[in-house]
Amino acid sequence: MPDHRSEGGEFTPPGMLSRNERTILSLIRRGGPMPRAVLAQRIGLSAQAVTNLTRKLMAQGYLDANEAVRGKVGQPSVPLALAPDGAYFLGLKIGRRLAELALVDFTGQVRMHRQEVHSHPDPARILAFAQQGLEALTTSLSAAQQARITGLGIAAPYRLWDWGRQMRDWLDFDLRLELARDLPFPVFLDNDATTACGAELIFGTTALPRDFIHIYVAHFAGGGIVLDGALRHGPTRNAGALGSMPIPGSGAAGGQLLDRASVSALERRIGHPLPPDDAGWTVSPAIEADWVEEAGRAMAFVALSAAALVDLPMVVIDGAVPGPTRARLAHATREALAAMPAAGIDRPVVIEGSLGRRARILGAAGLPLSHFFQPDGRLDAGDWP
């Protein structure tokens, strides 16, 4: 592990932070700068206790004091904000056609980013991309900054070897272990769609209930499920595998959600692959409209099924698609949901996610962040009400 000492101030390793300290950081991360009085009210601690905790966090480099806000009466209020250089997180995302590596600061801003387009993710090529990129990103930092890198998170689809014969090399390849051999910080791995949901919890800007499902439309569709403010994995880590959920119908009308609400399904309609960026999204409006309508019906079925099973009040729809396309997908899902029979249950609200193409790489970086800085050491919403 790095020597967690910084220039000009003491620095407690993040694994030694108390739960109350982590709670303060998570509240500010989700809600923005807050004065000590608000933090005390939200956490249920005395003003003096919060003052002591925040002073310690400031001395360690995790918090900064913003400019005082003067009201009509009483002492001025000083909002406390996350210090951008308080900690750094590395994220590696492996997609069907794109690998990404990013350095993310304590506030969730991407400081540095590298990417590589491929025809399919070959293990040796992905390992070389990651090793070379990690070397370049870390050596560009000062020694003090390098000491504040807390870990690497990997966002990758589970069971890559099920994608076809060209992916069989992944069956006996452990990317997390291969990278961890030479790194001085821990390495975490989770499903890419699951981390996209976790990123919405930690870095997203939309108001969320404590229970919802998250559908992420990328080359294949995936998802996540949040209960009581925490991202759930299940005993075999398949909870929220919404892309695998069966869709009713016969023949081509049936299948799974990933057969309908995926960019790959749109590519089959247009006859060629789409580049992994919004600028290259060149799709006939008529073809996109047909795909959006079909995808919306499939996602509405998943949404209503989730509401019937777990009483989830909200569905968040995001994806590696342009913002206007994401809005159309959400609208089509709402329309299809309104037309479905729902006697005995309440239809969930459908909203758009806020991160788009950034969700999975931010979710990857969010794995070490959550382990060291979230109250329960997991991808969740912290202690927000």
Protein backbone atom coordinates (compact mmCIF):
# COMPACT_ATOMS: atom_id res chain seq x y z
CA MET A 1 0.00 0.00 0.00
CA PRO A 2 1.15 3.61 -0.52
CA ASP A 3 2.61 5.59 2.33
CA HIS A 4 -0.44 7.71 3.20
CA ARG A 5 1.36 10.88 4.21
CA SER A 6 0.93 14.19 2.46
CA GLU A 7 2.97 17.33 2.32
CA GLY A 8 1.99 19.88 4.91
CA GLY A 9 -0.56 17.88 6.90
CA GLU A 10 -1.42 14.59 8.59
CA PHE A 11 -3.26 12.00 6.54
CA THR A 12 -5.12 9.08 8.06
CA PRO A 13 -5.42 6.08 5.73
CA PRO A 14 -9.03 5.93 4.55
CA GLY A 15 -9.52 2.47 6.02
CA MET A 16 -9.12 4.00 9.48
CA LEU A 17 -11.92 6.57 9.13
CA SER A 18 -14.79 6.14 11.57
CA ARG A 19 -18.34 5.53 10.41
CA ASN A 20 -19.36 9.04 11.46
CA GLU A 21 -16.52 10.51 9.42
CA ARG A 22 -17.53 8.47 6.38
CA THR A 23 -21.14 9.54 6.88
CA ILE A 24 -20.15 13.21 6.83
CA LEU A 25 -18.21 12.71 3.60
CA SER A 26 -21.04 10.79 1.92
CA LEU A 27 -23.63 13.40 2.89
CA ILE A 28 -21.54 16.18 1.37
CA ARG A 29 -20.73 14.09 -1.70
CA ARG A 30 -24.40 13.50 -2.41
CA GLY A 31 -25.89 16.77 -1.16
CA GLY A 32 -23.16 19.32 -1.89
CA PRO A 33 -21.41 21.68 0.56
CA MET A 34 -23.05 21.82 3.98
CA PRO A 35 -22.43 23.83 7.15
CA ARG A 36 -21.71 21.99 10.38
CA ALA A 37 -25.15 22.77 11.81
CA VAL A 38 -26.88 20.97 8.93
CA LEU A 39 -24.51 18.01 9.21
CA ALA A 40 -25.21 17.74 12.92
CA GLN A 41 -28.94 17.73 12.28
CA ARG A 42 -28.69 15.13 9.51
CA ILE A 43 -26.45 12.77 11.47
CA GLY A 44 -27.99 13.27 14.91
CA LEU A 45 -24.78 14.30 16.65
CA SER A 46 -24.04 17.33 18.80
CA ALA A 47 -22.63 20.46 17.20
CA GLN A 48 -19.38 20.00 19.13
CA ALA A 49 -19.00 16.40 17.98
CA VAL A 50 -19.45 17.41 14.34
CA THR A 51 -17.01 20.27 14.78
CA ASN A 52 -14.37 17.88 16.11
CA LEU A 53 -14.97 15.36 13.31
CA THR A 54 -14.89 17.94 10.53
CA ARG A 55 -11.76 19.58 11.89
CA LYS A 56 -10.06 16.21 11.76
CA LEU A 57 -11.27 15.60 8.18
CA MET A 58 -10.00 19.03 7.15
CA ALA A 59 -6.60 18.36 8.72
CA GLN A 60 -6.42 15.09 6.80
CA GLY A 61 -7.13 16.88 3.53
CA TYR A 62 -10.61 15.47 2.86
CA LEU A 63 -12.66 18.65 3.43
CA ASP A 64 -12.29 22.31 2.50
CA ALA A 65 -14.10 25.30 4.00
CA ASN A 66 -16.00 27.41 1.49
CA GLU A 67 -16.54 31.13 1.84
CA ALA A 68 -18.75 32.05 4.78
CA VAL A 69 -22.41 32.77 4.06
CA ARG A 70 -23.81 35.63 6.13
CA GLY A 71 -27.45 35.62 7.11
CA LYS A 72 -29.64 38.29 8.66
CA VAL A 73 -28.93 37.21 12.23
CA GLY A 74 -26.34 35.12 14.07
CA GLN A 75 -22.89 33.97 13.09
CA PRO A 76 -22.02 33.41 9.43
CA SER A 77 -22.42 29.86 8.14
CA VAL A 78 -19.37 28.13 6.62
CA PRO A 79 -20.29 25.36 4.15
CA LEU A 80 -17.86 22.46 4.10
CA ALA A 81 -17.03 20.87 0.73
CA LEU A 82 -15.08 17.84 -0.43
CA ALA A 83 -11.44 18.61 -1.18
CA PRO A 84 -10.86 17.57 -4.81
CA ASP A 85 -7.37 16.26 -4.01
CA GLY A 86 -8.49 14.43 -0.85
CA ALA A 87 -8.22 11.05 -2.58
CA TYR A 88 -7.93 9.59 -6.06
CA PHE A 89 -9.57 6.53 -7.59
CA LEU A 90 -8.72 4.61 -10.73
CA GLY A 91 -11.42 3.06 -12.87
CA LEU A 92 -11.11 0.52 -15.69
CA LYS A 93 -14.16 -0.26 -17.85
CA ILE A 94 -14.27 -3.14 -20.30
CA GLY A 95 -16.95 -2.92 -22.97
CA ARG A 96 -17.81 -4.87 -26.08
CA ARG A 97 -15.93 -2.42 -28.29
CA LEU A 98 -14.29 0.08 -25.93
CA ALA A 99 -11.90 -0.12 -22.99
CA GLU A 100 -11.53 2.96 -20.78
CA LEU A 101 -9.23 3.93 -17.96
CA ALA A 102 -9.71 7.03 -15.82
CA LEU A 103 -8.31 8.82 -12.81
CA VAL A 104 -11.16 10.30 -10.74
CA ASP A 105 -10.72 12.78 -7.90
CA PHE A 106 -12.50 12.95 -4.55
CA THR A 107 -15.39 14.99 -5.97
CA GLY A 108 -16.06 12.59 -8.86
CA GLN A 109 -14.38 14.62 -11.57
CA VAL A 110 -12.43 12.71 -14.21
CA ARG A 111 -8.90 14.15 -14.11
CA MET A 112 -7.34 11.94 -16.80
CA HIS A 113 -8.83 9.52 -19.29
CA ARG A 114 -7.56 6.99 -21.82
CA GLN A 115 -9.50 4.71 -24.15
CA GLU A 116 -8.96 2.07 -26.79
CA VAL A 117 -11.43 0.80 -29.39
CA HIS A 118 -11.31 -2.90 -30.24
CA SER A 119 -13.28 -5.44 -32.26
CA HIS A 120 -13.65 -7.57 -29.13
CA PRO A 121 -11.99 -7.43 -25.70
CA ASP A 122 -9.03 -9.82 -25.90
CA PRO A 123 -7.62 -10.55 -22.41
CA ALA A 124 -3.95 -9.98 -23.31
CA ARG A 125 -4.74 -6.73 -25.10
CA ILE A 126 -6.92 -5.45 -22.23
CA LEU A 127 -4.19 -6.31 -19.71
CA ALA A 128 -1.56 -4.45 -21.74
CA PHE A 129 -3.84 -1.42 -22.17
CA ALA A 130 -4.53 -1.33 -18.43
CA GLN A 131 -0.90 -1.78 -17.35
CA GLN A 132 0.43 0.85 -19.73
CA GLY A 133 -2.36 3.27 -18.87
CA LEU A 134 -1.94 2.84 -15.13
CA GLU A 135 1.75 3.54 -15.44
CA ALA A 136 1.09 6.70 -17.46
CA LEU A 137 -1.65 8.00 -15.17
CA THR A 138 0.12 7.39 -11.88
CA THR A 139 3.54 8.69 -12.92
CA SER A 140 1.95 11.97 -14.03
CA LEU A 141 1.06 12.66 -10.39
CA SER A 142 3.32 14.00 -7.67
CA ALA A 143 4.49 11.65 -4.92
CA ALA A 144 1.96 13.20 -2.53
CA GLN A 145 -0.86 12.69 -5.02
CA GLN A 146 0.20 9.11 -5.73
CA ALA A 147 -0.02 8.42 -2.00
CA ARG A 148 -3.70 9.36 -2.11
CA ILE A 149 -4.66 6.78 -4.76
CA THR A 150 -6.83 4.39 -2.77
CA GLY A 151 -7.51 1.69 -5.34
CA LEU A 152 -8.49 0.50 -8.80
CA GLY A 153 -12.02 -0.57 -9.68
CA ILE A 154 -12.81 -2.73 -12.71
CA ALA A 155 -16.24 -2.65 -14.35
CA ALA A 156 -16.68 -5.62 -16.69
CA PRO A 157 -19.53 -7.87 -17.81
CA TYR A 158 -19.71 -11.12 -15.91
CA ARG A 159 -19.15 -14.36 -17.84
CA LEU A 160 -17.46 -12.76 -20.83
CA TRP A 161 -16.78 -16.24 -22.18
CA ASP A 162 -20.51 -16.65 -22.86
CA TRP A 163 -20.31 -13.98 -25.59
CA GLY A 164 -19.07 -16.46 -28.22
CA ARG A 165 -16.08 -18.54 -29.26
CA GLN A 166 -13.80 -15.54 -29.69
CA MET A 167 -14.23 -14.77 -25.98
CA ARG A 168 -13.32 -18.22 -24.63
CA ASP A 169 -9.90 -17.01 -23.43
CA TRP A 170 -11.66 -15.15 -20.61
CA LEU A 171 -12.79 -18.43 -19.02
CA ASP A 172 -9.47 -19.05 -17.27
CA PHE A 173 -8.25 -15.44 -17.09
CA ASP A 174 -8.47 -13.42 -13.86
CA LEU A 175 -7.91 -9.78 -14.82
CA ARG A 176 -8.26 -8.50 -11.27
CA LEU A 177 -5.56 -10.88 -10.02
CA GLU A 178 -3.23 -10.12 -12.95
CA LEU A 179 -3.40 -6.37 -12.30
CA ALA A 180 -3.21 -6.67 -8.51
CA ARG A 181 0.17 -8.46 -8.69
CA ASP A 182 2.07 -5.25 -9.44
CA LEU A 183 -0.10 -2.56 -7.86
CA PRO A 184 0.51 -1.02 -4.40
CA PHE A 185 -3.23 -0.53 -3.78
CA PRO A 186 -6.26 -2.86 -3.75
CA VAL A 187 -8.14 -3.87 -6.90
CA PHE A 188 -11.92 -4.39 -6.98
CA LEU A 189 -14.13 -5.87 -9.71
CA ASP A 190 -17.87 -5.76 -10.33
CA ASN A 191 -20.36 -6.09 -13.17
CA ASP A 192 -20.35 -3.07 -15.47
CA ALA A 193 -24.11 -2.47 -15.41
CA THR A 194 -24.11 -2.86 -11.62
CA THR A 195 -21.40 -0.24 -11.28
CA ALA A 196 -23.39 2.11 -13.54
CA CYS A 197 -26.21 1.89 -10.99
CA GLY A 198 -23.73 2.46 -8.16
CA ALA A 199 -22.39 5.54 -9.92
CA GLU A 200 -25.90 7.02 -10.03
CA LEU A 201 -26.13 6.47 -6.27
CA ILE A 202 -22.80 8.12 -5.48
CA PHE A 203 -22.26 10.71 -8.22
CA GLY A 204 -25.71 11.19 -9.78
CA THR A 205 -27.64 14.44 -9.63
CA THR A 206 -31.22 13.11 -9.68
CA ALA A 207 -33.36 12.74 -6.56
CA LEU A 208 -33.75 9.04 -5.81
CA PRO A 209 -35.92 7.01 -3.43
CA ARG A 210 -34.33 4.32 -1.28
CA ASP A 211 -35.74 1.58 -3.53
CA PHE A 212 -35.53 1.50 -7.34
CA ILE A 213 -34.22 -0.40 -10.35
CA HIS A 214 -31.69 0.99 -12.78
CA ILE A 215 -31.68 -0.10 -16.45
CA TYR A 216 -28.53 0.65 -18.42
CA VAL A 217 -28.83 0.43 -22.21
CA ALA A 218 -25.41 -0.22 -23.77
CA HIS A 219 -24.23 -2.76 -26.36
CA PHE A 220 -26.23 -5.17 -24.20
CA ALA A 221 -28.78 -4.09 -21.61
CA GLY A 222 -28.03 -4.54 -17.93
CA GLY A 223 -29.20 -3.19 -14.64
CA GLY A 224 -29.04 -2.89 -10.91
CA ILE A 225 -31.45 -3.06 -8.00
CA VAL A 226 -31.32 -0.77 -4.95
CA LEU A 227 -33.14 -1.65 -1.73
CA ASP A 228 -33.02 0.44 1.44
CA GLY A 229 -30.48 2.74 -0.21
CA ALA A 230 -27.97 -0.05 -0.94
CA LEU A 231 -27.04 -1.71 -4.20
CA ARG A 232 -27.91 -5.40 -3.93
CA HIS A 233 -25.91 -8.22 -5.49
CA GLY A 234 -27.63 -11.40 -4.30
CA PRO A 235 -25.98 -14.68 -3.22
CA THR A 236 -24.59 -15.40 -6.70
CA ARG A 237 -24.17 -11.69 -7.62
CA ASN A 238 -26.94 -11.90 -10.22
CA ALA A 239 -29.40 -9.53 -8.53
CA GLY A 240 -30.42 -6.81 -10.96
CA ALA A 241 -29.39 -8.84 -14.03
CA LEU A 242 -32.26 -7.20 -15.87
CA GLY A 243 -30.79 -7.80 -19.31
CA SER A 244 -31.35 -11.53 -18.78
CA MET A 245 -34.99 -11.09 -17.76
CA PRO A 246 -37.35 -12.98 -20.14
CA ILE A 247 -39.73 -10.86 -22.18
CA PRO A 248 -43.11 -12.41 -23.13
CA GLY A 249 -43.94 -13.25 -26.71
CA SER A 250 -43.34 -15.97 -29.22
CA GLY A 251 -40.52 -16.31 -31.70
CA ALA A 252 -38.71 -13.05 -32.43
CA ALA A 253 -41.21 -11.19 -30.25
CA GLY A 254 -39.94 -12.92 -27.10
CA GLY A 255 -36.45 -13.43 -25.76
CA GLN A 256 -34.69 -11.41 -23.10
CA LEU A 257 -34.53 -7.69 -22.37
CA LEU A 258 -31.03 -7.52 -23.89
CA ASP A 259 -32.51 -8.74 -27.21
CA ARG A 260 -34.76 -5.69 -27.37
CA ALA A 261 -33.38 -2.78 -25.32
CA SER A 262 -29.74 -2.89 -26.41
CA VAL A 263 -27.62 -0.90 -28.83
CA SER A 264 -26.77 -4.23 -30.49
CA ALA A 265 -30.45 -4.61 -31.41
CA LEU A 266 -30.40 -1.15 -33.01
CA GLU A 267 -27.21 -2.03 -34.90
CA ARG A 268 -28.92 -5.08 -36.36
CA ARG A 269 -31.61 -2.80 -37.72
CA ILE A 270 -29.20 -0.35 -39.34
CA GLY A 271 -26.76 -3.01 -40.53
CA HIS A 272 -23.53 -1.60 -39.09
CA PRO A 273 -21.91 -0.90 -35.69
CA LEU A 274 -22.21 2.49 -34.01
CA PRO A 275 -19.09 4.29 -32.73
CA PRO A 276 -18.74 4.54 -28.93
CA ASP A 277 -19.48 8.29 -28.77
CA ASP A 278 -22.43 10.61 -29.31
CA ALA A 279 -20.84 12.33 -32.30
CA GLY A 280 -20.89 9.10 -34.27
CA TRP A 281 -24.54 8.35 -33.52
CA THR A 282 -25.89 8.48 -37.08
CA VAL A 283 -29.21 6.67 -37.11
CA SER A 284 -32.26 7.26 -39.25
CA PRO A 285 -34.96 8.89 -37.07
CA ALA A 286 -37.54 6.38 -38.33
CA ILE A 287 -35.36 3.37 -37.49
CA GLU A 288 -34.47 4.77 -34.09
CA ALA A 289 -38.15 5.48 -33.36
CA ASP A 290 -39.11 1.84 -34.09
CA TRP A 291 -36.27 0.55 -31.90
CA VAL A 292 -37.13 2.97 -29.08
CA GLU A 293 -40.78 1.89 -29.12
CA GLU A 294 -39.87 -1.81 -28.96
CA ALA A 295 -37.26 -1.22 -26.26
CA GLY A 296 -39.75 0.87 -24.26
CA ARG A 297 -42.32 -1.94 -24.28
CA ALA A 298 -39.70 -4.42 -23.05
CA MET A 299 -38.47 -2.11 -20.30
CA ALA A 300 -42.04 -1.38 -19.23
CA PHE A 301 -42.58 -5.11 -18.75
CA VAL A 302 -39.45 -5.30 -16.60
CA ALA A 303 -40.50 -2.20 -14.64
CA LEU A 304 -43.97 -3.50 -13.86
CA SER A 305 -42.63 -6.94 -12.98
CA ALA A 306 -40.20 -5.35 -10.52
CA ALA A 307 -42.99 -3.28 -8.98
CA ALA A 308 -45.19 -6.35 -8.57
CA LEU A 309 -42.37 -8.39 -7.04
CA VAL A 310 -40.62 -5.91 -4.73
CA ASP A 311 -42.93 -2.84 -4.73
CA LEU A 312 -40.29 -0.60 -6.32
CA PRO A 313 -41.56 2.94 -6.88
CA MET A 314 -39.06 4.08 -9.52
CA VAL A 315 -37.22 2.98 -12.65
CA VAL A 316 -34.08 4.88 -13.71
CA ILE A 317 -33.17 4.55 -17.40
CA ASP A 318 -29.67 5.45 -18.53
CA GLY A 319 -27.24 4.19 -21.11
CA ALA A 320 -24.34 4.62 -23.50
CA VAL A 321 -26.56 6.58 -25.87
CA PRO A 322 -27.00 10.29 -26.64
CA GLY A 323 -29.09 12.32 -24.19
CA PRO A 324 -32.03 12.81 -26.62
CA THR A 325 -32.14 9.06 -27.28
CA ARG A 326 -32.15 8.34 -23.56
CA ALA A 327 -35.06 10.77 -23.16
CA ARG A 328 -36.97 8.96 -25.92
CA LEU A 329 -36.35 5.60 -24.27
CA ALA A 330 -37.68 6.87 -20.95
CA HIS A 331 -40.72 8.44 -22.64
CA ALA A 332 -41.48 5.23 -24.57
CA THR A 333 -41.22 3.21 -21.36
CA ARG A 334 -43.64 5.55 -19.58
CA GLU A 335 -46.14 5.31 -22.43
CA ALA A 336 -45.93 1.53 -22.60
CA LEU A 337 -46.21 1.27 -18.82
CA ALA A 338 -49.34 3.42 -18.79
CA ALA A 339 -50.99 1.08 -21.30
CA MET A 340 -50.24 -2.12 -19.36
CA PRO A 341 -52.78 -3.67 -16.96
CA ALA A 342 -51.71 -2.92 -13.41
CA ALA A 343 -54.69 -3.75 -11.20
CA GLY A 344 -53.60 -4.16 -7.59
CA ILE A 345 -50.24 -2.38 -7.83
CA ASP A 346 -48.93 1.13 -8.39
CA ARG A 347 -47.04 1.75 -11.60
CA PRO A 348 -43.48 2.94 -10.91
CA VAL A 349 -42.27 6.36 -11.94
CA VAL A 350 -39.80 6.33 -14.86
CA ILE A 351 -36.99 8.89 -14.91
CA GLU A 352 -33.73 9.37 -16.80
CA GLY A 353 -30.35 8.74 -15.25
CA SER A 354 -27.89 11.60 -15.09
CA LEU A 355 -24.53 10.11 -16.11
CA GLY A 356 -24.94 8.59 -19.57
CA ARG A 357 -21.74 7.23 -21.08
CA ARG A 358 -19.75 8.19 -17.96
CA ALA A 359 -21.72 5.89 -15.67
CA ARG A 360 -19.66 2.71 -15.98
CA ILE A 361 -16.21 4.30 -15.72
CA LEU A 362 -17.36 6.40 -12.75
CA GLY A 363 -18.91 3.28 -11.26
CA ALA A 364 -15.60 1.47 -11.61
CA ALA A 365 -13.79 4.27 -9.77
CA GLY A 366 -16.62 4.21 -7.25
CA LEU A 367 -15.67 0.69 -6.12
CA PRO A 368 -12.58 1.74 -4.10
CA LEU A 369 -14.33 4.98 -3.12
CA SER A 370 -17.26 3.09 -1.63
CA HIS A 371 -15.02 0.55 0.10
CA PHE A 372 -13.05 3.22 1.95
CA PHE A 373 -15.37 6.23 2.18
CA GLN A 374 -19.03 5.12 2.20
CA PRO A 375 -20.48 4.45 5.69
CA ASP A 376 -20.92 0.70 5.21
CA GLY A 377 -18.06 0.20 2.75
CA ARG A 378 -20.32 -0.59 -0.19
CA LEU A 379 -21.90 1.03 -3.21
CA ASP A 380 -24.84 2.78 -1.62
CA ALA A 381 -26.39 6.15 -1.02
CA GLY A 382 -24.83 6.67 2.40
CA ASP A 383 -27.13 7.91 5.13
CA TRP A 384 -29.28 10.28 3.11
CA PRO A 385 -32.98 10.13 4.07
